[in-house]
Amino acid sequence: MKQLADDFWNFRGTFRIAGLIDVGTQMSLIRRPTGRFLLIDSYEVSGEDRDGLLALTDNGDAIDAIINVHPFHTLHCQAAHKLAPKARLFGTQRHREQAPELPWERTIIEARATQAAFEELEFEIPAGLDLVADDDSVHAASVLVRHRKSRIVHVDDTLMVLAAPGVLGHILPQSRMRFHPKLEKALQARPGAADDFAEWASGLAESWADTPIVCAAHSAVRELPPGGWRDEITQALSDVRDTLDHHRSRHG
């Protein structure tokens, strides 16, 4: 549990592929202007992290809502609900389908009307991508969240930061932000999808240009220098130029 701003905390967790490789996962806690809280994503916290979270949130009773923003991050939804059973539970349509036993709100978080209920947050969904691709291994699209007061961004998979695991992460430098390596498979099979994505990414580079910190799944919290968000998003978009051109050649 790391406090990144007056009203923003981030939790880093463990997620192992095939039980071996820990690629990590995350959850963020935001204090609202009312003094109550929002959880972004779900993770089964334990130990000191759990104790700190419960102490801060009146044993979970002060959490108004749990907002799950990546359709393929469903493993810990049950645990988060148990942690704060009184909180309203939001997710994507896929969350509802994967865990129908949970008391999901009827409105889904990819809907603009749902997002508008959280005035302290900004949301973005990549244009030109399928939020849920036919291939379950394609996790390139998600709902990005930015806390207006701190300007911190919480993002799962769509934007990735590569960092060495364990103690090496304190020694070796992080990568800059990059788009998900399976971006090409997430692009919608229609004319203009590549252009829509490029326009969205360019707009995001400008509209969130003053972002100081990115909490990225699965590996890292990245502190950015002034102008760093704009520079790194612009470079990430340049890195996928061939991918977008290939899509244009196939679909127009």
Protein backbone atom coordinates (compact mmCIF):
# COMPACT_ATOMS: atom_id res chain seq x y z
CA MET A 1 0.00 0.00 0.00
CA LYS A 2 1.74 3.13 -1.23
CA GLN A 3 0.32 6.61 -0.95
CA LEU A 4 1.04 8.48 -4.17
CA ALA A 5 -0.93 11.67 -3.43
CA ASP A 6 -3.10 13.10 -0.65
CA ASP A 7 -6.13 11.13 -1.84
CA PHE A 8 -4.61 8.31 -3.90
CA TRP A 9 -3.11 4.96 -2.85
CA ASN A 10 -1.91 2.08 -5.01
CA PHE A 11 -1.60 -1.59 -4.09
CA ARG A 12 0.69 -3.95 -6.00
CA GLY A 13 -0.16 -7.63 -5.93
CA THR A 14 0.94 -11.02 -7.18
CA PHE A 15 -0.37 -12.75 -10.27
CA ARG A 16 1.50 -15.78 -11.52
CA ILE A 17 1.25 -17.20 -15.03
CA ALA A 18 1.11 -21.00 -14.90
CA GLY A 19 1.88 -20.68 -11.21
CA LEU A 20 5.48 -19.67 -11.97
CA ILE A 21 6.05 -16.23 -13.48
CA ASP A 22 4.79 -13.34 -11.35
CA VAL A 23 3.60 -10.60 -13.69
CA GLY A 24 1.88 -8.69 -10.89
CA THR A 25 -1.47 -6.96 -10.62
CA GLN A 26 -2.82 -3.82 -8.98
CA MET A 27 -5.65 -1.98 -7.27
CA SER A 28 -5.99 1.71 -6.39
CA LEU A 29 -7.88 3.51 -3.63
CA ILE A 30 -9.19 7.05 -4.08
CA ARG A 31 -10.59 9.31 -1.38
CA ARG A 32 -13.59 11.26 -2.61
CA PRO A 33 -14.30 14.92 -1.72
CA THR A 34 -16.89 13.58 0.72
CA GLY A 35 -14.17 11.72 2.64
CA ARG A 36 -15.46 8.36 1.46
CA PHE A 37 -13.62 6.09 -0.99
CA LEU A 38 -13.56 4.33 -4.35
CA LEU A 39 -11.62 1.18 -5.21
CA ILE A 40 -10.34 0.91 -8.77
CA ASP A 41 -9.97 -2.76 -9.77
CA SER A 42 -10.02 -5.73 -7.42
CA TYR A 43 -7.22 -7.48 -5.61
CA GLU A 44 -7.22 -9.78 -2.57
CA VAL A 45 -4.98 -7.74 -0.28
CA SER A 46 -3.47 -9.35 2.79
CA GLY A 47 -1.21 -8.59 5.72
CA GLU A 48 -0.21 -4.97 6.30
CA ASP A 49 -1.87 -3.84 3.08
CA ARG A 50 -5.20 -5.26 4.18
CA ASP A 51 -4.86 -3.81 7.67
CA GLY A 52 -4.01 -0.39 6.28
CA LEU A 53 -6.87 -0.41 3.81
CA LEU A 54 -9.42 -1.42 6.43
CA ALA A 55 -8.12 1.13 8.95
CA LEU A 56 -8.39 3.92 6.40
CA THR A 57 -11.86 2.97 5.19
CA ASP A 58 -13.66 2.21 8.49
CA ASN A 59 -13.29 -1.54 8.01
CA GLY A 60 -14.43 -1.20 4.39
CA ASP A 61 -17.72 0.51 5.23
CA ALA A 62 -16.50 3.86 3.86
CA ILE A 63 -15.93 2.44 0.36
CA ASP A 64 -18.77 3.65 -1.86
CA ALA A 65 -17.93 1.62 -4.96
CA ILE A 66 -15.56 -0.92 -6.46
CA ILE A 67 -14.94 -0.08 -10.12
CA ASN A 68 -13.47 -2.90 -12.23
CA VAL A 69 -12.07 -1.49 -15.46
CA HIS A 70 -10.38 -4.34 -17.33
CA PRO A 71 -12.75 -6.98 -18.72
CA PHE A 72 -10.19 -9.78 -18.29
CA HIS A 73 -9.21 -8.93 -14.70
CA THR A 74 -11.89 -10.97 -12.94
CA LEU A 75 -9.99 -13.29 -10.59
CA HIS A 76 -10.18 -11.12 -7.46
CA CYS A 77 -13.66 -9.62 -7.80
CA GLN A 78 -15.14 -11.97 -5.20
CA ALA A 79 -12.41 -11.08 -2.69
CA ALA A 80 -12.88 -7.34 -3.16
CA HIS A 81 -16.62 -7.70 -2.68
CA LYS A 82 -16.05 -9.60 0.59
CA LEU A 83 -13.69 -6.86 1.73
CA ALA A 84 -16.32 -4.17 1.18
CA PRO A 85 -19.70 -5.90 0.86
CA LYS A 86 -21.66 -2.66 1.20
CA ALA A 87 -19.88 -1.03 -1.76
CA ARG A 88 -21.62 -0.82 -5.11
CA LEU A 89 -19.95 -3.20 -7.53
CA PHE A 90 -19.26 -1.99 -11.06
CA GLY A 91 -17.63 -3.84 -13.92
CA THR A 92 -17.67 -4.36 -17.65
CA GLN A 93 -20.19 -6.59 -19.38
CA ARG A 94 -17.63 -9.39 -19.28
CA HIS A 95 -17.32 -9.09 -15.48
CA ARG A 96 -21.05 -9.64 -15.20
CA GLU A 97 -20.86 -12.70 -17.46
CA GLN A 98 -17.82 -14.22 -15.74
CA ALA A 99 -19.06 -13.76 -12.17
CA PRO A 100 -22.88 -13.68 -12.35
CA GLU A 101 -23.14 -14.65 -8.68
CA LEU A 102 -21.89 -11.22 -7.58
CA PRO A 103 -24.29 -8.27 -7.01
CA TRP A 104 -23.20 -6.19 -9.99
CA GLU A 105 -24.79 -2.83 -10.69
CA ARG A 106 -27.02 -3.01 -13.73
CA THR A 107 -25.02 -0.31 -15.53
CA ILE A 108 -21.63 -1.24 -16.98
CA ILE A 109 -18.49 0.87 -16.58
CA GLU A 110 -17.80 1.13 -20.32
CA ALA A 111 -21.03 3.17 -20.61
CA ARG A 112 -20.55 6.93 -20.54
CA ALA A 113 -23.65 7.36 -18.38
CA THR A 114 -22.11 5.14 -15.70
CA GLN A 115 -18.80 6.98 -15.83
CA ALA A 116 -20.55 10.34 -15.43
CA ALA A 117 -21.67 9.34 -11.92
CA PHE A 118 -18.05 9.64 -10.72
CA GLU A 119 -17.27 13.33 -11.07
CA GLU A 120 -13.82 13.01 -9.50
CA LEU A 121 -12.68 10.64 -12.24
CA GLU A 122 -12.01 10.86 -15.97
CA PHE A 123 -12.42 7.77 -18.16
CA GLU A 124 -11.08 6.86 -21.58
CA ILE A 125 -11.71 3.81 -23.78
CA PRO A 126 -9.40 3.29 -26.78
CA ALA A 127 -11.11 4.03 -30.08
CA GLY A 128 -10.77 1.48 -32.86
CA LEU A 129 -10.25 -1.49 -30.52
CA ASP A 130 -12.58 -4.26 -29.41
CA LEU A 131 -12.90 -4.00 -25.63
CA VAL A 132 -13.33 -7.78 -25.61
CA ALA A 133 -11.69 -9.56 -28.53
CA ASP A 134 -12.72 -13.00 -29.73
CA ASP A 135 -9.29 -14.27 -28.67
CA ASP A 136 -9.20 -14.37 -24.85
CA SER A 137 -5.44 -13.79 -24.85
CA VAL A 138 -5.88 -10.30 -26.34
CA HIS A 139 -6.04 -7.78 -23.49
CA ALA A 140 -5.09 -4.60 -25.34
CA ALA A 141 -8.23 -2.62 -24.53
CA SER A 142 -9.49 -1.48 -21.15
CA VAL A 143 -11.15 1.47 -19.46
CA LEU A 144 -8.45 3.94 -18.43
CA VAL A 145 -9.08 6.02 -15.29
CA ARG A 146 -7.59 9.34 -14.21
CA HIS A 147 -8.15 10.95 -10.82
CA ARG A 148 -8.87 14.61 -11.50
CA LYS A 149 -7.36 16.01 -8.29
CA SER A 150 -4.03 14.17 -8.32
CA ARG A 151 -3.99 13.66 -12.12
CA ILE A 152 -2.74 10.09 -11.55
CA VAL A 153 -3.69 7.51 -14.19
CA HIS A 154 -4.65 3.90 -13.40
CA VAL A 155 -4.42 1.66 -16.46
CA ASP A 156 -4.43 -2.08 -17.02
CA ASP A 157 -2.64 -3.60 -20.03
CA THR A 158 -3.57 -0.98 -22.64
CA LEU A 159 -0.48 0.97 -21.60
CA MET A 160 2.30 -1.13 -20.16
CA VAL A 161 5.50 -0.33 -18.28
CA LEU A 162 8.11 -3.08 -18.23
CA ALA A 163 10.05 -3.41 -14.98
CA ALA A 164 12.37 -6.05 -13.55
CA PRO A 165 10.83 -8.20 -10.79
CA GLY A 166 11.69 -8.07 -7.09
CA VAL A 167 14.74 -6.19 -5.89
CA LEU A 168 16.00 -5.83 -9.45
CA GLY A 169 13.14 -3.41 -10.02
CA HIS A 170 14.89 -0.96 -7.67
CA ILE A 171 18.14 -1.22 -9.62
CA LEU A 172 17.29 -1.60 -13.29
CA PRO A 173 15.46 1.19 -15.11
CA GLN A 174 11.81 0.86 -16.10
CA SER A 175 10.79 0.99 -19.71
CA ARG A 176 8.81 3.92 -20.98
CA MET A 177 5.12 3.36 -21.60
CA ARG A 178 4.19 1.09 -24.50
CA PHE A 179 0.95 -0.11 -26.02
CA HIS A 180 -0.03 -3.73 -25.48
CA PRO A 181 1.90 -6.11 -27.78
CA LYS A 182 -1.33 -7.67 -29.06
CA LEU A 183 -2.71 -4.34 -30.24
CA GLU A 184 -2.97 -5.60 -33.83
CA LYS A 185 -5.35 -8.40 -32.85
CA ALA A 186 -7.53 -5.98 -30.88
CA LEU A 187 -8.02 -3.54 -33.76
CA GLN A 188 -11.53 -3.78 -35.14
CA ALA A 189 -11.71 -5.48 -38.53
CA ARG A 190 -13.11 -2.48 -40.38
CA PRO A 191 -11.89 0.46 -42.44
CA GLY A 192 -10.69 3.38 -40.34
CA ALA A 193 -10.05 1.48 -37.11
CA ALA A 194 -6.30 2.16 -37.21
CA ASP A 195 -6.91 5.85 -37.86
CA ASP A 196 -9.42 6.00 -35.01
CA PHE A 197 -6.92 4.48 -32.62
CA ALA A 198 -4.13 6.82 -33.72
CA GLU A 199 -6.39 9.85 -33.33
CA TRP A 200 -7.49 8.67 -29.88
CA ALA A 201 -3.90 8.12 -28.71
CA SER A 202 -2.76 11.50 -30.01
CA GLY A 203 -5.67 13.17 -28.26
CA LEU A 204 -4.92 11.35 -25.02
CA ALA A 205 -1.30 12.51 -25.16
CA GLU A 206 -2.55 16.10 -25.13
CA SER A 207 -5.64 15.93 -22.92
CA TRP A 208 -3.83 14.17 -20.05
CA ALA A 209 -0.46 15.82 -20.72
CA ASP A 210 0.02 16.94 -17.09
CA THR A 211 -0.17 13.39 -15.70
CA PRO A 212 2.61 12.97 -13.09
CA ILE A 213 2.25 9.25 -12.30
CA VAL A 214 0.98 6.16 -14.12
CA CYS A 215 -0.08 3.05 -12.21
CA ALA A 216 0.28 0.36 -14.86
CA ALA A 217 -0.63 -3.28 -14.73
CA HIS A 218 0.99 -5.50 -14.42
CA SER A 219 4.39 -4.36 -13.37
CA ALA A 220 5.03 -0.82 -12.25
CA VAL A 221 4.18 2.62 -10.94
CA ARG A 222 5.94 5.10 -13.21
CA GLU A 223 6.72 8.66 -12.15
CA LEU A 224 6.90 10.98 -15.13
CA PRO A 225 8.90 14.17 -15.63
CA PRO A 226 7.10 17.29 -16.88
CA GLY A 227 5.89 16.54 -20.39
CA GLY A 228 6.66 12.85 -19.92
CA TRP A 229 3.12 11.64 -20.52
CA ARG A 230 2.87 13.43 -23.87
CA ASP A 231 6.34 12.33 -24.95
CA GLU A 232 5.90 8.67 -24.02
CA ILE A 233 2.43 8.30 -25.51
CA THR A 234 3.64 9.95 -28.70
CA GLN A 235 6.62 7.59 -28.85
CA ALA A 236 4.42 4.56 -28.04
CA LEU A 237 2.19 5.52 -30.96
CA SER A 238 5.22 5.84 -33.22
CA ASP A 239 6.34 2.36 -32.14
CA VAL A 240 3.10 0.82 -33.46
CA ARG A 241 3.14 2.68 -36.78
CA ASP A 242 3.89 -0.51 -38.74
CA THR A 243 1.07 -2.33 -36.95
CA LEU A 244 -1.39 0.41 -37.87
CA ASP A 245 -0.13 0.57 -41.46
CA HIS A 246 -0.54 -3.18 -41.81
CA HIS A 247 -4.13 -2.91 -40.59
CA ARG A 248 -4.81 -0.11 -43.09
CA SER A 249 -3.43 -2.23 -45.93
CA ARG A 250 -5.84 -5.02 -45.03
CA HIS A 251 -8.96 -3.06 -44.10
CA GLY A 252 -8.57 0.42 -45.48
